[in-house]
Amino acid sequence: MEGRYGDGMTSVQTPRNQSDNVGPLDHAGNTGGVAPQQSAFSHQYSGQMPADNTYGNNNYSNTGNEYSTGMNEKTMLDRQEAQPDEKMGTIGVTEAEEVYQARAAIHEGEYSGLLGMIHNPFTAATAIFASLGGLLFGYDQGVISGVLVMQFFEAKFPLSASDKGFIVAILELGCWFGALCCGYLADRLSRKYTIVMASCIFLVGTALQTGAQSRSYLYAGRFIAGLSIGSLSMVVPLYQSEISPPSIRGSLVALQQFAITVGILISFWIDFGTNTIQSDTQWRLPLGLQLILGAILALGILFFPHSPRWLMAQGRDDEAARVLSKLRRKPVDSPLVVAEWSEIKAVVEFDKEVARRDFPQYADGSGRSNFMLGLMRYRELFRPGIFPRLCIGVLVNFFQQFTGINAVIYYAPTIFQSIGLSGTSTSLLATGVVGIINVVFTIPAVLFLDVIGRRPLLLGAAVMLTISHVIIAIMIGLYSSDWPAHAAQGWVAVAFIYVYIASFACSWGPIGWVLPSEIFPLRVRAKGISISASSNWMNNFIIALITPPMLQAWNWGAYVFFAAFCFLAFFWVLIFVPETKGRTLEEMDEVFGSKAGTVDVQLMQRIEGDIIRRRRSSFVQV
């Protein structure tokens, strides 16, 4: 017997009496091989809905993560009593139950942290490889600090203090511009090919730095490399979040921050190792080694899949189903894959309907209209329902930098000298130990972010960061006039710098990348993440600019300044930042309360019902 889809596409041959078989997906969102009154969801999950018709009281995770969609009894009744619509239809009792069961299927049997990555090896391997972009970022950021003080570099390029500052700062300006402009390219070229493009740009910038014959080469190379690093800092978390199941999404995106810290640590030891070379190779080699990493990322990412959500947005539905099947290690007709595919499909169709409704002048599908529609998406970020998410993306990166982390890392030698340490001790504490702590304490975020959640880590760390800054300020304010006589107090300050680094590494560091990558709707996700990432780089630039004069003029007051922002960050998270742990990207509208209005809620309900009815009625005997 041969099944045929409602849009004319033919399925694989499937025996009618084998109810276990659920056919592949077609472009209309249908499945073949299912009897007319049976969907993929209802076949696998035939149990009844909870008596109270709520989602929030059910647990679908083996890790204890509650799956709560925010749907209450009133919302379910609204769905059941929705009015018919000639174009899209409505969603009734049976369809509402299938939406409920589909979401249950996505969360069924999930594991978080290391166990979740072991159960999703291909997804984890893809995210780990993509995090090479973070390794490039960390290595390039760290290597220049050692290169600037190398003997043969200083002989080749006699630089003033302001020149050295500009060499550091111009990278961050390039990063800001690259992150800001990358949103459109990530939608147009795909997430994967944008990573390839950014890696190739990185190779050009690195080549100019490695072969530099004048300061102009250095400036140009640093800016071009910055364009690449800024783009990667935006598109890599985006790609990681879109390939990940909700149970390990935080862990996989946190790999970005882990890779950054590893890159910084590696750059220190390479600088340390090449410092004994008595030629220009002393500084050209550590810069040139980046070419290997950039080439590996540019070529290697081609062997990994596109984001299934990007594929769906391009109308490549069958390919999206195959990618989901490969990422989840399930057959393409498994209930989990069908459920996730259908949820993404509903959001994509919703986004297209909203675009046709809001921008009818760009609905003809031409190249110019698609370009203008891409630009209009930036305007959409400032609409009610989405603007609060943009504020969270921008402000989490603002507070990430204004906790003072890069002030501590960039100027660690100066800080350690200010608390009475010098010579070999300064070098060891400022580079090796701080770098190791930064790496080691990022690991708990990778393993437990999807177990503990985003809010608890941010809130707890804000308290510890505030306390650390205050104690360091007290030690410097009371004892800086005579450190030799107060060595114990100096080591107390050192200890709390370590506490500060550890607290940041397991919280604000990784979550600054995780939150923006998961809170935006698909239609504006790339644009929202690009603006959020550009906020990180602009604030990074500001901190690098103000920290030296602030440390010199304010002394202990600089730490009070950063403590104040850590204190504010606690209340900002407490009041404005919702928990996103364990939620799919398509559920973020519910996390933030609505789909920007009653009309949009009804539209999404109708689309969900339409997809379910098409799937249910698509199989006909030929």
Foldseek 3Di string as FASTA:
>chain_A
DWWAFPVGHTWDDEDQPPQVDWAFADLLLAIANHALQDFLLCSVVVDDADPQNAQQVDDQEPLPDTDHLLDGSVNLVCQQPPDADPPQGGHHNVLSRSLSSLVSLLSHYADAFPVNCVLQVQLLVLLLLLLLLLLLVQQVLQQLLLLVPFPQSCVQAVDDPVLSLLLNLLLLVLLLVLLQPLLLVCLVVNLLVLLLVLLVLLLVLLVLCLPPNYVVSSSVSSSSNSSSSSNSLQSSLLFSQLLDRQRQNLLSLLSNLLSSLVSNQVSVVLLVVLSPDDHSCSSSVSSVVSNVSSVCSNPVSVPADTRLLSCVLVSNLSVSLVNNCSSNVHPSRRSNSSSVSLLSNLLSVLVLVVCCVPPVVLNPPDPVSVVVSLVVLLVVCCAPLNVLLLVVLLVLLLLLPLLPVVLCLVCVLVLLVLLPDDDPVSVCLNRVVLSVLLNVLLSCLSRCCLSVFQLVLLLVLLVLSLVLLVLLLVLSVPPSVPNVVVVVSSVVNSVSVSSNSSSSSNHSSSVSSSSLSQQHRPSNSSNSSSNSSSSNSVSNSVSSVPSPVCCVPVPSVSSVSSSVSSVVSNVCSVPRPFTSRSHRSSSSSSSSPHPSDDVSRRSSSSSSNSSVSSNSNTTDDD
